[in-house]
């Protein structure tokens, strides 16, 4: 199965993996809830491939998210 990583910000494809079986733990998908899975992971049964929406390095940098001290404000208080 091919796994295509596409930037959710700019739309650029930035990585492709070829795997026999998807190991959700190794790929980090095990920590996603059902809503996140629906938004981020797109399975195509016709091509037996998975499209993963993420952010490319250029967009991470452009959005100012590369700094380890950066926090994202979602507009609500915990």
Protein backbone atom coordinates (compact mmCIF):
# COMPACT_ATOMS: atom_id res chain seq x y z
CA UNK A 1 0.00 0.00 0.00
CA UNK A 2 1.20 3.50 -0.76
CA UNK A 3 0.77 6.28 1.78
CA UNK A 4 0.81 9.77 0.31
CA UNK A 5 1.53 12.73 2.57
CA UNK A 6 0.00 15.98 1.33
CA UNK A 7 0.20 19.43 2.92
CA UNK A 8 -3.20 20.55 4.17
CA UNK A 9 -2.08 24.18 3.86
CA UNK A 10 -0.49 24.47 0.40
CA UNK A 11 -1.65 21.20 -1.19
CA UNK A 12 1.84 20.00 -2.12
CA UNK A 13 2.65 16.29 -1.94
CA UNK A 14 5.78 15.97 0.19
CA UNK A 15 6.32 12.28 0.91
CA UNK A 16 5.29 8.80 -0.19
CA UNK A 17 5.75 5.58 1.76
CA UNK A 18 5.30 2.05 0.47
CA UNK A 19 4.30 -0.44 3.17
CA UNK A 20 2.91 -3.96 3.18
CA UNK A 21 0.75 -3.38 6.25
CA UNK A 22 -0.16 -0.18 8.04
CA UNK A 23 1.24 -0.12 11.57
CA UNK A 24 -0.78 2.66 13.21
CA UNK A 25 1.58 2.84 16.19
CA UNK A 26 4.70 3.36 14.04
CA UNK A 27 2.96 5.95 11.87
CA UNK A 28 1.42 7.79 14.84
CA UNK A 29 -2.18 7.26 13.75
CA UNK A 30 -3.10 5.42 16.95
CA UNK A 31 -3.42 8.70 18.87
CA UNK A 32 -6.07 10.15 16.51
CA UNK A 33 -9.70 10.19 17.58
CA UNK A 34 -12.47 9.35 15.09
CA UNK A 35 -13.02 12.98 14.01
CA UNK A 36 -9.28 13.50 13.44
CA UNK A 37 -9.09 10.26 11.46
CA UNK A 38 -11.96 11.40 9.25
CA UNK A 39 -10.29 14.80 8.66
CA UNK A 40 -6.68 13.64 8.24
CA UNK A 41 -6.77 10.13 6.74
CA UNK A 42 -8.39 9.46 3.35
CA UNK A 43 -8.41 5.82 2.22
CA UNK A 44 -8.86 5.08 -1.49
CA UNK A 45 -10.02 1.49 -1.93
CA UNK A 46 -9.76 1.71 -5.72
CA UNK A 47 -6.00 2.36 -5.62
CA UNK A 48 -5.43 0.71 -2.22
CA UNK A 49 -3.71 3.87 -1.00
CA UNK A 50 -3.93 6.24 1.93
CA UNK A 51 -3.71 10.02 1.73
CA UNK A 52 -2.53 11.71 4.92
CA UNK A 53 -3.16 15.43 5.32
CA UNK A 54 -0.38 17.07 7.30
CA UNK A 55 1.85 20.15 7.04
CA UNK A 56 5.01 20.39 4.95
CA UNK A 57 8.19 21.88 6.40
CA UNK A 58 7.80 25.11 4.41
CA UNK A 59 4.27 25.74 5.75
CA UNK A 60 5.31 24.84 9.30
CA UNK A 61 8.03 27.48 8.99
CA UNK A 62 5.74 30.03 7.29
CA UNK A 63 3.05 29.60 9.95
CA UNK A 64 5.61 30.09 12.70
CA UNK A 65 5.10 26.60 14.08
CA UNK A 66 8.75 25.51 13.82
CA UNK A 67 9.66 27.07 17.17
CA UNK A 68 9.38 24.51 19.98
CA UNK A 69 7.90 27.19 22.25
CA UNK A 70 5.05 27.98 19.85
CA UNK A 71 1.57 27.29 21.18
CA UNK A 72 -1.61 27.23 19.18
CA UNK A 73 -4.53 29.21 20.59
CA UNK A 74 -7.84 27.55 19.76
CA UNK A 75 -9.86 30.35 21.36
CA UNK A 76 -11.13 28.53 24.41
CA UNK A 77 -10.01 28.08 27.99
CA UNK A 78 -9.55 24.61 29.50
